[in-house]
Amino acid sequence: MPARETAAATVEAPALSPRRRQLLDAALHVIADHGLRGLTHRAVDRRAGLPEGSCSAYLRTRQALQGALTEYVASALLADVDRLADRILACDVDDDGEGVRAALDLFLHWLDQRELLVARLELTMAATRDADLCAILADHRARLIGLVEGIMAATGKEHSSERAEALVASYDGVLLAALLKPAAERADFLSRSLQLLSNGLAGAPGA
């Protein structure tokens, strides 16, 4: 069977020094465990196991810390979706079920490693009151919508930017609902929900 055509351009995560990555990974866990109020330079230093003042040496203000973490979280999620696209596009054109299976694997991974999802929720709420954070998330969301539309086009689905945006929003809702469910119920809920979205908003294969 022929392989699917290539979709959107590859997502490149921002280059980070090892120490900056260590600090942002620590910040990710701090905000996931303690919320935005708990995100302080001192808390990040403690989580990273570094001397006090290490985080502020790289990110001097709370605003700088929040902005860098927002970029870090959004880029990580976008890179995951880019790898999902590679997996889907490497499949035979007749294997439409692989898209659902690939998305299910990714969503379950995100739910098992919940820090990214919880941090994104915290930062999204903060972005409703912070124009700088809102701009970062809006830029990444636009890139995500473009990537999803590219997948839909390359796999022969009915597609448009509006349809891709609605699909991304629907996936967000499914992920949030799954996050609130008992762990034992998540896989079945996600499988059914993703199949419904694939049959609906994702559109039927083109002629």
Foldseek 3Di string as FASTA:
>chain_A
DDFFDDFDDAQDQDDDDPLVVLLLVLQLVQCLVPNPVRRDQQSSCVSSVHDRPSSCVVQVDSVSSLLVNLSVLLSVVLNLVSVLLVQRRRDDLVPLVVNLVSVLVSLLVCLVVVSSVSSNVRLVVVCVVPVSSVVSNVVSLLVSLRRQQRSLVRSQFDHDSVLSNVLVVQVNVLSVVLSPDPSVCNSVSSSVSSVVCCPPSSHDGHD
